[in-house]
């Protein structure tokens, strides 16, 4: 499974001479996605970043701070990919803009399935981290998504009788599930849903399903 790295040189602070912080964040993304907050250890994160635990604490102070930085980074990247793409503003019609945003969301989901796995762990666990997620990340993103869906409904792209909340969650589920279920799909059918051919097929399926 060859996913595009979540952070690159362009994400690093100007003048930075080391990639330790970047490596730690990428390693933390993988660990939290695979084991959840409770199951992930700072030792394994440090090992995955070819660093030591002291480096983790130096850059992120605590496991909780690191987790929050991981989640904030991923949702910020999602927002930039889907909600703040300047090209969408140049689309000739609402439907064209929706097609573009939907495609960007699918591509992001294919490259970053860790975001939904990390979120799912907290949905199951409940507690303070889920409260923080809801307040600081999920609510804002969902409100913006519903507002954009309402515009699409007014533009005749989607049925106006479907509540925006339901519409957004139905689309999110249709887009994300394939990538979240990747291990099961590979074991059952021998298909790697992350290869370009399969991602393109999923884009086409979503466009047809929602008549975009």
Foldseek 3Di string as FASTA:
>chain_A
DDFDQLDDPVPDDPPDPDCLVVLLLSLLLVQCLVQNLVGRDLQSSQVSSVHGSVSCCVNQVDSVSSVVVSLVSLLVVLCVQQPVPPVLVVDPALLRSVLRNLLSNLLSLLRRVSNVSNLVSCVVVPDDVVVCCCVPGDVVVLVSQLVSVCVCCVRVLAPPVDRSNVVVVVSVCLRNVCNNCQVVCCVVPVDRCSDPVNSVVSSVVSCVVSVD
